Every structure is written in C-alpha cells, then in structure tokens.
Amino acid sequence: MKWYLKVLHQYLDFSGRARRKEYWVFVLFNMIFVFVAIIIDALLGIDGDTVGPLYIGYTIATLIPGIAVFVRRIHDIGKSGWMLLVGLIPIVGAIWLMVLIFTDSQHGDNRWGKNPKEISI
C-alpha cells in the first residue's frame, strides 16, 4: 500500500525513476479498487448501461498518476517517457511496452536520476 500511496503523492511528477515494484504495486491496487468500484456501482444500482459513476470517477482520478508512474518506470530503464506513444502502434506497440516495463532497472545513475533500488525509501 505504501507504493500505491507514493504514486498518488507524486501524481504530477513525470521526472525521476520508478522501480518495477512501485509500478506493479500501483497496478495491482489500482485493479483491486477498480473492481471494488464496479461492484459497488452494481450493488447500488447506479451502474448505468455499462459502467457507473464510482468507476468513472476513480478512473479519472488515477489516470494522471498512472501515466506519471509509467513514464518514471520507462525512465528507470533509460528510455524517454515519450516511448509511451509506441503503444499507439497496434499489437506490436503494446508488446514492446510490456517488454519495457518488465525490464530491470538501468544500473547506476542515468539522466533521470539515481537508481531507486540503491536509494532507501
């Protein structure tokens, strides 16, 4: 949960580096909260035709922090955050982005900062 909250506190920070653990813990908790929002919308009967307001509100609230942690994750392997746009290429782009986010941190410092694995949190 600490990593999830760290991402939310850095919601507009597109600089620096984010290790794999930070990224994947955010993704895990984000998915859990999305499913909870969908269930609550359905239980309250406010889910509309496809999705409800809790789901939409949560998704909008976490969109920018999600993009920011993704950009910091890409910085961690030494690539520019603009690599996010590779995802616009059908199929191949998504596969390439998955390869990038699973890649281990670049050792030592890079132009986006110190290796977060070497910095104690």
PDB file of N, CA and C in Angstrom:
ATOM      1  N   MET A   1       0.828  -1.191   0.000  1.00  0.00           N
ATOM      2  CA  MET A   1       0.000   0.000   0.000  1.00  0.00           C
ATOM      3  C   MET A   1       0.877   1.260   0.000  1.00  0.00           C
ATOM      4  N   LYS A   2       2.064   1.139   0.611  1.00  0.00           N
ATOM      5  CA  LYS A   2       2.988   2.271   0.675  1.00  0.00           C
ATOM      6  C   LYS A   2       3.343   2.749  -0.733  1.00  0.00           C
ATOM      7  N   TRP A   3       3.564   1.813  -1.636  1.00  0.00           N
ATOM      8  CA  TRP A   3       3.952   2.159  -3.008  1.00  0.00           C
ATOM      9  C   TRP A   3       2.788   2.812  -3.751  1.00  0.00           C
ATOM     10  N   TYR A   4       1.575   2.337  -3.504  1.00  0.00           N
ATOM     11  CA  TYR A   4       0.390   2.918  -4.137  1.00  0.00           C
ATOM     12  C   TYR A   4       0.242   4.380  -3.712  1.00  0.00           C
ATOM     13  N   LEU A   5       0.375   4.620  -2.411  1.00  0.00           N
ATOM     14  CA  LEU A   5       0.249   5.986  -1.904  1.00  0.00           C
ATOM     15  C   LEU A   5       1.386   6.872  -2.394  1.00  0.00           C
ATOM     16  N   LYS A   6       2.575   6.301  -2.548  1.00  0.00           N
ATOM     17  CA  LYS A   6       3.715   7.067  -3.076  1.00  0.00           C
ATOM     18  C   LYS A   6       3.404   7.574  -4.482  1.00  0.00           C
ATOM     19  N   VAL A   7       2.802   6.713  -5.292  1.00  0.00           N
ATOM     20  CA  VAL A   7       2.444   7.118  -6.658  1.00  0.00           C
ATOM     21  C   VAL A   7       1.402   8.230  -6.620  1.00  0.00           C
ATOM     22  N   LEU A   8       0.412   8.107  -5.743  1.00  0.00           N
ATOM     23  CA  LEU A   8      -0.621   9.143  -5.659  1.00  0.00           C
ATOM     24  C   LEU A   8      -0.040  10.469  -5.166  1.00  0.00           C
ATOM     25  N   HIS A   9       0.947  10.410  -4.276  1.00  0.00           N
ATOM     26  CA  HIS A   9       1.577  11.648  -3.802  1.00  0.00           C
ATOM     27  C   HIS A   9       2.422  12.302  -4.890  1.00  0.00           C
ATOM     28  N   GLN A  10       2.923  11.504  -5.829  1.00  0.00           N
ATOM     29  CA  GLN A  10       3.726  12.039  -6.930  1.00  0.00           C
ATOM     30  C   GLN A  10       2.888  12.107  -8.206  1.00  0.00           C
ATOM     31  N   TYR A  11       1.627  12.479  -8.082  1.00  0.00           N
ATOM     32  CA  TYR A  11       0.693  12.371  -9.200  1.00  0.00           C
ATOM     33  C   TYR A  11       1.049  13.219 -10.413  1.00  0.00           C
ATOM     34  N   LEU A  12       1.799  14.282 -10.240  1.00  0.00           N
ATOM     35  CA  LEU A  12       2.190  15.109 -11.389  1.00  0.00           C
ATOM     36  C   LEU A  12       3.694  15.087 -11.630  1.00  0.00           C
ATOM     37  N   ASP A  13       4.381  14.132 -11.034  1.00  0.00           N
ATOM     38  CA  ASP A  13       5.833  14.050 -11.157  1.00  0.00           C
ATOM     39  C   ASP A  13       6.195  13.106 -12.299  1.00  0.00           C
ATOM     40  N   PHE A  14       6.526  13.678 -13.436  1.00  0.00           N
ATOM     41  CA  PHE A  14       6.896  12.889 -14.606  1.00  0.00           C
ATOM     42  C   PHE A  14       8.414  12.775 -14.733  1.00  0.00           C
ATOM     43  N   SER A  15       9.142  13.298 -13.763  1.00  0.00           N
ATOM     44  CA  SER A  15      10.597  13.197 -13.786  1.00  0.00           C
ATOM     45  C   SER A  15      11.033  12.174 -12.748  1.00  0.00           C
ATOM     46  N   GLY A  16      12.238  11.727 -12.851  1.00  0.00           N
ATOM     47  CA  GLY A  16      12.737  10.749 -11.909  1.00  0.00           C
ATOM     48  C   GLY A  16      12.521   9.328 -12.407  1.00  0.00           C
ATOM     49  N   ARG A  17      12.685   8.397 -11.494  1.00  0.00           N
ATOM     50  CA  ARG A  17      12.638   6.989 -11.850  1.00  0.00           C
ATOM     51  C   ARG A  17      11.725   6.242 -10.884  1.00  0.00           C
ATOM     52  N   ALA A  18      11.074   5.201 -11.384  1.00  0.00           N
ATOM     53  CA  ALA A  18      10.224   4.342 -10.561  1.00  0.00           C
ATOM     54  C   ALA A  18      10.627   2.897 -10.811  1.00  0.00           C
ATOM     55  N   ARG A  19      10.933   2.177  -9.771  1.00  0.00           N
ATOM     56  CA  ARG A  19      11.323   0.781  -9.940  1.00  0.00           C
ATOM     57  C   ARG A  19      10.112  -0.082 -10.256  1.00  0.00           C
ATOM     58  N   ARG A  20      10.364  -1.317 -10.665  1.00  0.00           N
ATOM     59  CA  ARG A  20       9.281  -2.227 -11.046  1.00  0.00           C
ATOM     60  C   ARG A  20       8.284  -2.423  -9.917  1.00  0.00           C
ATOM     61  N   LYS A  21       8.780  -2.564  -8.705  1.00  0.00           N
ATOM     62  CA  LYS A  21       7.901  -2.802  -7.558  1.00  0.00           C
ATOM     63  C   LYS A  21       6.889  -1.675  -7.397  1.00  0.00           C
ATOM     64  N   GLU A  22       7.356  -0.440  -7.498  1.00  0.00           N
ATOM     65  CA  GLU A  22       6.456   0.707  -7.379  1.00  0.00           C
ATOM     66  C   GLU A  22       5.372   0.653  -8.454  1.00  0.00           C
ATOM     67  N   TYR A  23       5.766   0.389  -9.685  1.00  0.00           N
ATOM     68  CA  TYR A  23       4.823   0.351 -10.793  1.00  0.00           C
ATOM     69  C   TYR A  23       3.799  -0.772 -10.610  1.00  0.00           C
ATOM     70  N   TRP A  24       4.270  -1.979 -10.338  1.00  0.00           N
ATOM     71  CA  TRP A  24       3.363  -3.130 -10.280  1.00  0.00           C
ATOM     72  C   TRP A  24       2.470  -3.135  -9.053  1.00  0.00           C
ATOM     73  N   VAL A  25       2.944  -2.602  -7.920  1.00  0.00           N
ATOM     74  CA  VAL A  25       2.066  -2.478  -6.754  1.00  0.00           C
ATOM     75  C   VAL A  25       0.960  -1.474  -7.058  1.00  0.00           C
ATOM     76  N   PHE A  26       1.305  -0.387  -7.734  1.00  0.00           N
ATOM     77  CA  PHE A  26       0.272   0.578  -8.127  1.00  0.00           C
ATOM     78  C   PHE A  26      -0.747  -0.084  -9.052  1.00  0.00           C
ATOM     79  N   VAL A  27      -0.283  -0.846 -10.026  1.00  0.00           N
ATOM     80  CA  VAL A  27      -1.193  -1.520 -10.960  1.00  0.00           C
ATOM     81  C   VAL A  27      -2.092  -2.506 -10.212  1.00  0.00           C
ATOM     82  N   LEU A  28      -1.521  -3.272  -9.287  1.00  0.00           N
ATOM     83  CA  LEU A  28      -2.299  -4.249  -8.527  1.00  0.00           C
ATOM     84  C   LEU A  28      -3.395  -3.580  -7.709  1.00  0.00           C
ATOM     85  N   PHE A  29      -3.029  -2.578  -6.905  1.00  0.00           N
ATOM     86  CA  PHE A  29      -4.037  -1.893  -6.091  1.00  0.00           C
ATOM     87  C   PHE A  29      -5.042  -1.148  -6.963  1.00  0.00           C
ATOM     88  N   ASN A  30      -4.593  -0.606  -8.064  1.00  0.00           N
ATOM     89  CA  ASN A  30      -5.495   0.084  -8.975  1.00  0.00           C
ATOM     90  C   ASN A  30      -6.560  -0.887  -9.507  1.00  0.00           C
ATOM     91  N   MET A  31      -6.137  -2.076  -9.900  1.00  0.00           N
ATOM     92  CA  MET A  31      -7.094  -3.071 -10.397  1.00  0.00           C
ATOM     93  C   MET A  31      -8.069  -3.500  -9.303  1.00  0.00           C
ATOM     94  N   ILE A  32      -7.573  -3.681  -8.092  1.00  0.00           N
ATOM     95  CA  ILE A  32      -8.451  -4.055  -6.976  1.00  0.00           C
ATOM     96  C   ILE A  32      -9.497  -2.971  -6.744  1.00  0.00           C
ATOM     97  N   PHE A  33      -9.072  -1.710  -6.693  1.00  0.00           N
ATOM     98  CA  PHE A  33     -10.004  -0.613  -6.453  1.00  0.00           C
ATOM     99  C   PHE A  33     -10.991  -0.432  -7.608  1.00  0.00           C
ATOM    100  N   VAL A  34     -10.559  -0.708  -8.824  1.00  0.00           N
ATOM    101  CA  VAL A  34     -11.472  -0.639  -9.971  1.00  0.00           C
ATOM    102  C   VAL A  34     -12.570  -1.696  -9.827  1.00  0.00           C
ATOM    103  N   PHE A  35     -12.187  -2.925  -9.482  1.00  0.00           N
ATOM    104  CA  PHE A  35     -13.185  -3.983  -9.305  1.00  0.00           C
ATOM    105  C   PHE A  35     -14.133  -3.665  -8.155  1.00  0.00           C
ATOM    106  N   VAL A  36     -13.614  -3.112  -7.072  1.00  0.00           N
ATOM    107  CA  VAL A  36     -14.471  -2.721  -5.947  1.00  0.00           C
ATOM    108  C   VAL A  36     -15.448  -1.632  -6.388  1.00  0.00           C
ATOM    109  N   ALA A  37     -14.988  -0.657  -7.141  1.00  0.00           N
ATOM    110  CA  ALA A  37     -15.867   0.415  -7.628  1.00  0.00           C
ATOM    111  C   ALA A  37     -16.955  -0.149  -8.538  1.00  0.00           C
ATOM    112  N   ILE A  38     -16.599  -1.093  -9.399  1.00  0.00           N
ATOM    113  CA  ILE A  38     -17.594  -1.711 -10.283  1.00  0.00           C
ATOM    114  C   ILE A  38     -18.635  -2.468  -9.467  1.00  0.00           C
ATOM    115  N   ILE A  39     -18.199  -3.204  -8.465  1.00  0.00           N
ATOM    116  CA  ILE A  39     -19.121  -3.979  -7.625  1.00  0.00           C
ATOM    117  C   ILE A  39     -20.039  -3.054  -6.844  1.00  0.00           C
ATOM    118  N   ILE A  40     -19.480  -1.989  -6.260  1.00  0.00           N
ATOM    119  CA  ILE A  40     -20.315  -1.044  -5.505  1.00  0.00           C
ATOM    120  C   ILE A  40     -21.321  -0.371  -6.422  1.00  0.00           C
ATOM    121  N   ASP A  41     -20.889   0.028  -7.617  1.00  0.00           N
ATOM    122  CA  ASP A  41     -21.826   0.608  -8.584  1.00  0.00           C
ATOM    123  C   ASP A  41     -22.968  -0.358  -8.884  1.00  0.00           C
ATOM    124  N   ALA A  42     -22.636  -1.627  -9.073  1.00  0.00           N
ATOM    125  CA  ALA A  42     -23.659  -2.631  -9.397  1.00  0.00           C
ATOM    126  C   ALA A  42     -24.584  -2.873  -8.204  1.00  0.00           C
ATOM    127  N   LEU A  43     -24.024  -2.965  -7.005  1.00  0.00           N
ATOM    128  CA  LEU A  43     -24.843  -3.215  -5.816  1.00  0.00           C
ATOM    129  C   LEU A  43     -25.796  -2.057  -5.521  1.00  0.00           C
ATOM    130  N   LEU A  44     -25.345  -0.852  -5.777  1.00  0.00           N
ATOM    131  CA  LEU A  44     -26.197   0.315  -5.542  1.00  0.00           C
ATOM    132  C   LEU A  44     -27.155   0.584  -6.703  1.00  0.00           C
ATOM    133  N   GLY A  45     -26.981  -0.162  -7.782  1.00  0.00           N
ATOM    134  CA  GLY A  45     -27.864   0.005  -8.933  1.00  0.00           C
ATOM    135  C   GLY A  45     -27.609   1.275  -9.710  1.00  0.00           C
ATOM    136  N   ILE A  46     -26.404   1.804  -9.623  1.00  0.00           N
ATOM    137  CA  ILE A  46     -26.084   3.052 -10.331  1.00  0.00           C
ATOM    138  C   ILE A  46     -25.084   2.804 -11.449  1.00  0.00           C
ATOM    139  N   ASP A  47     -25.076   1.568 -11.965  1.00  0.00           N
ATOM    140  CA  ASP A  47     -24.075   1.229 -12.968  1.00  0.00           C
ATOM    141  C   ASP A  47     -24.455   1.647 -14.383  1.00  0.00           C
ATOM    142  N   GLY A  48     -25.612   2.181 -14.590  1.00  0.00           N
ATOM    143  CA  GLY A  48     -25.989   2.671 -15.919  1.00  0.00           C
ATOM    144  C   GLY A  48     -25.982   1.563 -16.955  1.00  0.00           C
ATOM    145  N   ASP A  49     -25.682   1.922 -18.198  1.00  0.00           N
ATOM    146  CA  ASP A  49     -25.648   0.939 -19.274  1.00  0.00           C
ATOM    147  C   ASP A  49     -24.399   0.065 -19.220  1.00  0.00           C
ATOM    148  N   THR A  50     -23.256   0.677 -18.972  1.00  0.00           N
ATOM    149  CA  THR A  50     -22.012  -0.099 -18.986  1.00  0.00           C
ATOM    150  C   THR A  50     -21.227   0.045 -17.689  1.00  0.00           C
ATOM    151  N   VAL A  51     -20.896   1.248 -17.282  1.00  0.00           N
ATOM    152  CA  VAL A  51     -20.133   1.470 -16.059  1.00  0.00           C
ATOM    153  C   VAL A  51     -20.799   2.570 -15.241  1.00  0.00           C
ATOM    154  N   GLY A  52     -20.488   2.566 -13.948  1.00  0.00           N
ATOM    155  CA  GLY A  52     -21.117   3.531 -13.064  1.00  0.00           C
ATOM    156  C   GLY A  52     -20.228   4.707 -12.727  1.00  0.00           C
ATOM    157  N   PRO A  53     -20.783   5.652 -11.968  1.00  0.00           N
ATOM    158  CA  PRO A  53     -20.054   6.876 -11.648  1.00  0.00           C
ATOM    159  C   PRO A  53     -18.853   6.663 -10.728  1.00  0.00           C
ATOM    160  N   LEU A  54     -18.903   5.690  -9.820  1.00  0.00           N
ATOM    161  CA  LEU A  54     -17.739   5.431  -8.967  1.00  0.00           C
ATOM    162  C   LEU A  54     -16.553   4.948  -9.797  1.00  0.00           C
ATOM    163  N   TYR A  55     -16.830   4.053 -10.721  1.00  0.00           N
ATOM    164  CA  TYR A  55     -15.779   3.549 -11.611  1.00  0.00           C
ATOM    165  C   TYR A  55     -15.207   4.689 -12.453  1.00  0.00           C
ATOM    166  N   ILE A  56     -16.061   5.478 -13.039  1.00  0.00           N
ATOM    167  CA  ILE A  56     -15.614   6.586 -13.892  1.00  0.00           C
ATOM    168  C   ILE A  56     -14.814   7.599 -13.078  1.00  0.00           C
ATOM    169  N   GLY A  57     -15.305   7.954 -11.890  1.00  0.00           N
ATOM    170  CA  GLY A  57     -14.608   8.916 -11.043  1.00  0.00           C
ATOM    171  C   GLY A  57     -13.238   8.413 -10.612  1.00  0.00           C
ATOM    172  N   TYR A  58     -13.177   7.148 -10.201  1.00  0.00           N
ATOM    173  CA  TYR A  58     -11.891   6.587  -9.781  1.00  0.00           C
ATOM    174  C   TYR A  58     -10.919   6.526 -10.956  1.00  0.00           C
ATOM    175  N   THR A  59     -11.408   6.121 -12.107  1.00  0.00           N
ATOM    176  CA  THR A  59     -10.553   6.020 -13.287  1.00  0.00           C
ATOM    177  C   THR A  59      -9.997   7.388 -13.681  1.00  0.00           C
ATOM    178  N   ILE A  60     -10.827   8.392 -13.657  1.00  0.00           N
ATOM    179  CA  ILE A  60     -10.369   9.748 -13.984  1.00  0.00           C
ATOM    180  C   ILE A  60      -9.358  10.232 -12.945  1.00  0.00           C
ATOM    181  N   ALA A  61      -9.616   9.934 -11.669  1.00  0.00           N
ATOM    182  CA  ALA A  61      -8.737  10.393 -10.595  1.00  0.00           C
ATOM    183  C   ALA A  61      -7.349   9.745 -10.663  1.00  0.00           C
ATOM    184  N   THR A  62      -7.262   8.527 -11.163  1.00  0.00           N
ATOM    185  CA  THR A  62      -5.973   7.826 -11.189  1.00  0.00           C
ATOM    186  C   THR A  62      -5.325   7.789 -12.576  1.00  0.00           C
ATOM    187  N   LEU A  63      -5.920   8.431 -13.546  1.00  0.00           N
ATOM    188  CA  LEU A  63      -5.360   8.430 -14.895  1.00  0.00           C
ATOM    189  C   LEU A  63      -3.991   9.114 -14.947  1.00  0.00           C
ATOM    190  N   ILE A  64      -3.897  10.333 -14.454  1.00  0.00           N
ATOM    191  CA  ILE A  64      -2.636  11.079 -14.494  1.00  0.00           C
ATOM    192  C   ILE A  64      -1.565  10.412 -13.618  1.00  0.00           C
ATOM    193  N   PRO A  65      -1.874   9.987 -12.379  1.00  0.00           N
ATOM    194  CA  PRO A  65      -0.842   9.282 -11.605  1.00  0.00           C
ATOM    195  C   PRO A  65      -0.368   7.999 -12.296  1.00  0.00           C
ATOM    196  N   GLY A  66      -1.268   7.308 -12.978  1.00  0.00           N
ATOM    197  CA  GLY A  66      -0.884   6.095 -13.701  1.00  0.00           C
ATOM    198  C   GLY A  66       0.065   6.380 -14.854  1.00  0.00           C
ATOM    199  N   ILE A  67      -0.213   7.441 -15.577  1.00  0.00           N
ATOM    200  CA  ILE A  67       0.673   7.825 -16.677  1.00  0.00           C
ATOM    201  C   ILE A  67       2.020   8.278 -16.114  1.00  0.00           C
ATOM    202  N   ALA A  68       1.991   9.025 -15.015  1.00  0.00           N
ATOM    203  CA  ALA A  68       3.237   9.526 -14.421  1.00  0.00           C
ATOM    204  C   ALA A  68       4.124   8.383 -13.940  1.00  0.00           C
ATOM    205  N   VAL A  69       3.547   7.386 -13.271  1.00  0.00           N
ATOM    206  CA  VAL A  69       4.370   6.273 -12.791  1.00  0.00           C
ATOM    207  C   VAL A  69       4.871   5.441 -13.970  1.00  0.00           C
ATOM    208  N   PHE A  70       4.098   5.357 -15.038  1.00  0.00           N
ATOM    209  CA  PHE A  70       4.562   4.645 -16.229  1.00  0.00           C
ATOM    210  C   PHE A  70       5.763   5.360 -16.843  1.00  0.00           C
ATOM    211  N   VAL A  71       5.679   6.674 -16.945  1.00  0.00           N
ATOM    212  CA  VAL A  71       6.792   7.452 -17.510  1.00  0.00           C
ATOM    213  C   VAL A  71       8.024   7.300 -16.635  1.00  0.00           C
ATOM    214  N   ARG A  72       7.857   7.369 -15.314  1.00  0.00           N
ATOM    215  CA  ARG A  72       9.002   7.189 -14.421  1.00  0.00           C
ATOM    216  C   ARG A  72       9.571   5.779 -14.527  1.00  0.00           C
ATOM    217  N   ARG A  73       8.704   4.789 -14.762  1.00  0.00           N
ATOM    218  CA  ARG A  73       9.169   3.404 -14.938  1.00  0.00           C
ATOM    219  C   ARG A  73      10.022   3.293 -16.203  1.00  0.00           C
ATOM    220  N   ILE A  74       9.588   3.941 -17.277  1.00  0.00           N
ATOM    221  CA  ILE A  74      10.351   3.926 -18.525  1.00  0.00           C
ATOM    222  C   ILE A  74      11.675   4.667 -18.340  1.00  0.00           C
ATOM    223  N   HIS A  75      11.667   5.753 -17.567  1.00  0.00           N
ATOM    224  CA  HIS A  75      12.913   6.462 -17.262  1.00  0.00           C
ATOM    225  C   HIS A  75      13.884   5.544 -16.527  1.00  0.00           C
ATOM    226  N   ASP A  76      13.365   4.661 -15.693  1.00  0.00           N
ATOM    227  CA  ASP A  76      14.211   3.787 -14.886  1.00  0.00           C
ATOM    228  C   ASP A  76      15.060   2.857 -15.745  1.00  0.00           C
ATOM    229  N   ILE A  77      14.586   2.539 -16.937  1.00  0.00           N
ATOM    230  CA  ILE A  77      15.374   1.664 -17.806  1.00  0.00           C
ATOM    231  C   ILE A  77      16.187   2.465 -18.828  1.00  0.00           C
ATOM    232  N   GLY A  78      16.150   3.792 -18.693  1.00  0.00           N
ATOM    233  CA  GLY A  78      16.981   4.635 -19.545  1.00  0.00           C
ATOM    234  C   GLY A  78      16.322   5.111 -20.818  1.00  0.00           C
ATOM    235  N   LYS A  79      15.027   4.965 -20.924  1.00  0.00           N
ATOM    236  CA  LYS A  79      14.303   5.409 -22.125  1.00  0.00           C
ATOM    237  C   LYS A  79      13.515   6.679 -21.819  1.00  0.00           C
ATOM    238  N   SER A  80      13.168   7.403 -22.848  1.00  0.00           N
ATOM    239  CA  SER A  80      12.360   8.606 -22.713  1.00  0.00           C
ATOM    240  C   SER A  80      10.908   8.236 -22.437  1.00  0.00           C
ATOM    241  N   GLY A  81      10.233   9.078 -21.686  1.00  0.00           N
ATOM    242  CA  GLY A  81       8.815   8.874 -21.408  1.00  0.00           C
ATOM    243  C   GLY A  81       7.956   8.918 -22.662  1.00  0.00           C
ATOM    244  N   TRP A  82       8.480   9.515 -23.708  1.00  0.00           N
ATOM    245  CA  TRP A  82       7.752   9.576 -24.972  1.00  0.00           C
ATOM    246  C   TRP A  82       7.573   8.192 -25.588  1.00  0.00           C
ATOM    247  N   MET A  83       8.296   7.188 -25.064  1.00  0.00           N
ATOM    248  CA  MET A  83       8.117   5.809 -25.544  1.00  0.00           C
ATOM    249  C   MET A  83       6.685   5.335 -25.311  1.00  0.00           C
ATOM    250  N   LEU A  84       5.971   6.025 -24.438  1.00  0.00           N
ATOM    251  CA  LEU A  84       4.560   5.717 -24.199  1.00  0.00           C
ATOM    252  C   LEU A  84       3.770   5.740 -25.507  1.00  0.00           C
ATOM    253  N   LEU A  85       4.166   6.609 -26.418  1.00  0.00           N
ATOM    254  CA  LEU A  85       3.458   6.737 -27.693  1.00  0.00           C
ATOM    255  C   LEU A  85       3.628   5.512 -28.588  1.00  0.00           C
ATOM    256  N   VAL A  86       4.606   4.663 -28.286  1.00  0.00           N
ATOM    257  CA  VAL A  86       4.777   3.417 -29.036  1.00  0.00           C
ATOM    258  C   VAL A  86       3.522   2.559 -28.884  1.00  0.00           C
ATOM    259  N   GLY A  87       2.822   2.722 -27.773  1.00  0.00           N
ATOM    260  CA  GLY A  87       1.594   1.978 -27.527  1.00  0.00           C
ATOM    261  C   GLY A  87       0.501   2.252 -28.546  1.00  0.00           C
ATOM    262  N   LEU A  88       0.646   3.314 -29.317  1.00  0.00           N
ATOM    263  CA  LEU A  88      -0.340   3.614 -30.356  1.00  0.00           C
ATOM    264  C   LEU A  88      -0.217   2.693 -31.564  1.00  0.00           C
ATOM    265  N   ILE A  89       0.910   1.993 -31.660  1.00  0.00           N
ATOM    266  CA  ILE A  89       1.088   1.029 -32.751  1.00  0.00           C
ATOM    267  C   ILE A  89       0.316  -0.233 -32.369  1.00  0.00           C
ATOM    268  N   PRO A  90      -0.638  -0.647 -33.173  1.00  0.00           N
ATOM    269  CA  PRO A  90      -1.452  -1.815 -32.804  1.00  0.00           C
ATOM    270  C   PRO A  90      -0.602  -3.065 -32.560  1.00  0.00           C
ATOM    271  N   ILE A  91      -0.931  -3.789 -31.546  1.00  0.00           N
ATOM    272  CA  ILE A  91      -0.361  -5.067 -31.106  1.00  0.00           C
ATOM    273  C   ILE A  91       1.130  -4.952 -30.786  1.00  0.00           C
ATOM    274  N   VAL A  92       1.954  -4.609 -31.759  1.00  0.00           N
ATOM    275  CA  VAL A  92       3.402  -4.545 -31.564  1.00  0.00           C
ATOM    276  C   VAL A  92       3.759  -3.515 -30.501  1.00  0.00           C
ATOM    277  N   GLY A  93       3.096  -2.389 -30.502  1.00  0.00           N
ATOM    278  CA  GLY A  93       3.375  -1.342 -29.525  1.00  0.00           C
ATOM    279  C   GLY A  93       3.095  -1.802 -28.109  1.00  0.00           C
ATOM    280  N   ALA A  94       1.970  -2.464 -27.909  1.00  0.00           N
ATOM    281  CA  ALA A  94       1.626  -2.963 -26.574  1.00  0.00           C
ATOM    282  C   ALA A  94       2.619  -4.020 -26.109  1.00  0.00           C
ATOM    283  N   ILE A  95       3.019  -4.895 -27.005  1.00  0.00           N
ATOM    284  CA  ILE A  95       4.005  -5.929 -26.651  1.00  0.00           C
ATOM    285  C   ILE A  95       5.329  -5.279 -26.277  1.00  0.00           C
ATOM    286  N   TRP A  96       5.769  -4.298 -27.044  1.00  0.00           N
ATOM    287  CA  TRP A  96       7.033  -3.630 -26.759  1.00  0.00           C
ATOM    288  C   TRP A  96       6.978  -2.902 -25.414  1.00  0.00           C
ATOM    289  N   LEU A  97       5.865  -2.247 -25.108  1.00  0.00           N
ATOM    290  CA  LEU A  97       5.742  -1.568 -23.819  1.00  0.00           C
ATOM    291  C   LEU A  97       5.766  -2.571 -22.666  1.00  0.00           C
ATOM    292  N   MET A  98       5.168  -3.730 -22.847  1.00  0.00           N
ATOM    293  CA  MET A  98       5.217  -4.769 -21.809  1.00  0.00           C
ATOM    294  C   MET A  98       6.659  -5.219 -21.580  1.00  0.00           C
ATOM    295  N   VAL A  99       7.408  -5.383 -22.661  1.00  0.00           N
ATOM    296  CA  VAL A  99       8.814  -5.764 -22.530  1.00  0.00           C
ATOM    297  C   VAL A  99       9.562  -4.690 -21.740  1.00  0.00           C
ATOM    298  N   LEU A 100       9.301  -3.427 -22.041  1.00  0.00           N
ATOM    299  CA  LEU A 100       9.991  -2.343 -21.362  1.00  0.00           C
ATOM    300  C   LEU A 100       9.674  -2.298 -19.869  1.00  0.00           C
ATOM    301  N   ILE A 101       8.403  -2.448 -19.503  1.00  0.00           N
ATOM    302  CA  ILE A 101       8.072  -2.321 -18.081  1.00  0.00           C
ATOM    303  C   ILE A 101       8.505  -3.533 -17.269  1.00  0.00           C
ATOM    304  N   PHE A 102       8.775  -4.655 -17.927  1.00  0.00           N
ATOM    305  CA  PHE A 102       9.312  -5.820 -17.223  1.00  0.00           C
ATOM    306  C   PHE A 102      10.842  -5.793 -17.145  1.00  0.00           C
ATOM    307  N   THR A 103      11.478  -4.906 -17.880  1.00  0.00           N
ATOM    308  CA  THR A 103      12.935  -4.822 -17.911  1.00  0.00           C
ATOM    309  C   THR A 103      13.464  -4.296 -16.581  1.00  0.00           C
ATOM    310  N   ASP A 104      14.577  -4.860 -16.125  1.00  0.00           N
ATOM    311  CA  ASP A 104      15.186  -4.440 -14.867  1.00  0.00           C
ATOM    312  C   ASP A 104      15.747  -3.023 -14.989  1.00  0.00           C
ATOM    313  N   SER A 105      15.914  -2.387 -13.847  1.00  0.00           N
ATOM    314  CA  SER A 105      16.440  -1.019 -13.791  1.00  0.00           C
ATOM    315  C   SER A 105      17.812  -0.911 -14.427  1.00  0.00           C
ATOM    316  N   GLN A 106      18.069   0.248 -15.001  1.00  0.00           N
ATOM    317  CA  GLN A 106      19.406   0.537 -15.506  1.00  0.00           C
ATOM    318  C   GLN A 106      20.302   0.770 -14.288  1.00  0.00           C
ATOM    319  N   HIS A 107      21.431   0.099 -14.248  1.00  0.00           N
ATOM    320  CA  HIS A 107      22.328   0.216 -13.104  1.00  0.00           C
ATOM    321  C   HIS A 107      22.944   1.605 -13.033  1.00  0.00           C
ATOM    322  N   GLY A 108      23.127   2.077 -11.815  1.00  0.00           N
ATOM    323  CA  GLY A 108      23.744   3.386 -11.611  1.00  0.00           C
ATOM    324  C   GLY A 108      22.810   4.529 -11.960  1.00  0.00           C
ATOM    325  N   ASP A 109      23.388   5.687 -12.099  1.00  0.00           N
ATOM    326  CA  ASP A 109      22.615   6.886 -12.424  1.00  0.00           C
ATOM    327  C   ASP A 109      22.359   6.954 -13.921  1.00  0.00           C
ATOM    328  N   ASN A 110      21.264   7.596 -14.283  1.00  0.00           N
ATOM    329  CA  ASN A 110      21.040   7.956 -15.680  1.00  0.00           C
ATOM    330  C   ASN A 110      20.555   9.398 -15.702  1.00  0.00           C
ATOM    331  N   ARG A 111      20.150   9.900 -16.844  1.00  0.00           N
ATOM    332  CA  ARG A 111      19.822  11.329 -16.926  1.00  0.00           C
ATOM    333  C   ARG A 111      18.553  11.707 -16.168  1.00  0.00           C
ATOM    334  N   TRP A 112      17.804  10.706 -15.665  1.00  0.00           N
ATOM    335  CA  TRP A 112      16.598  10.982 -14.884  1.00  0.00           C
ATOM    336  C   TRP A 112      16.813  10.807 -13.384  1.00  0.00           C
ATOM    337  N   GLY A 113      18.027  10.498 -12.983  1.00  0.00           N
ATOM    338  CA  GLY A 113      18.304  10.428 -11.553  1.00  0.00           C
ATOM    339  C   GLY A 113      19.031   9.164 -11.133  1.00  0.00           C
ATOM    340  N   LYS A 114      19.093   8.997  -9.827  1.00  0.00           N
ATOM    341  CA  LYS A 114      19.767   7.836  -9.252  1.00  0.00           C
ATOM    342  C   LYS A 114      18.875   6.608  -9.357  1.00  0.00           C
ATOM    343  N   ASN A 115      19.499   5.447  -9.329  1.00  0.00           N
ATOM    344  CA  ASN A 115      18.769   4.191  -9.361  1.00  0.00           C
ATOM    345  C   ASN A 115      17.934   4.068  -8.082  1.00  0.00           C
ATOM    346  N   PRO A 116      16.606   3.938  -8.183  1.00  0.00           N
ATOM    347  CA  PRO A 116      15.776   3.874  -6.985  1.00  0.00           C
ATOM    348  C   PRO A 116      16.026   2.637  -6.133  1.00  0.00           C
ATOM    349  N   LYS A 117      16.601   1.593  -6.706  1.00  0.00           N
ATOM    350  CA  LYS A 117      16.926   0.421  -5.911  1.00  0.00           C
ATOM    351  C   LYS A 117      18.079   0.700  -4.960  1.00  0.00           C
ATOM    352  N   GLU A 118      18.912   1.662  -5.302  1.00  0.00           N
ATOM    353  CA  GLU A 118      20.063   1.997  -4.476  1.00  0.00           C
ATOM    354  C   GLU A 118      19.732   3.052  -3.437  1.00  0.00           C
ATOM    355  N   ILE A 119      18.540   3.635  -3.536  1.00  0.00           N
ATOM    356  CA  ILE A 119      18.098   4.669  -2.591  1.00  0.00           C
ATOM    357  C   ILE A 119      17.094   4.030  -1.650  1.00  0.00           C
ATOM    358  N   SER A 120      17.318   4.118  -0.355  1.00  0.00           N
ATOM    359  CA  SER A 120      16.354   3.548   0.596  1.00  0.00           C
ATOM    360  C   SER A 120      15.157   4.478   0.717  1.00  0.00           C
ATOM    361  N   ILE A 121      13.991   3.852   0.812  1.00  0.00           N
ATOM    362  CA  ILE A 121      12.745   4.646   0.883  1.00  0.00           C
ATOM    363  C   ILE A 121      12.270   4.726   2.309  1.00  0.00           C
TER     364      ILE A 121
END
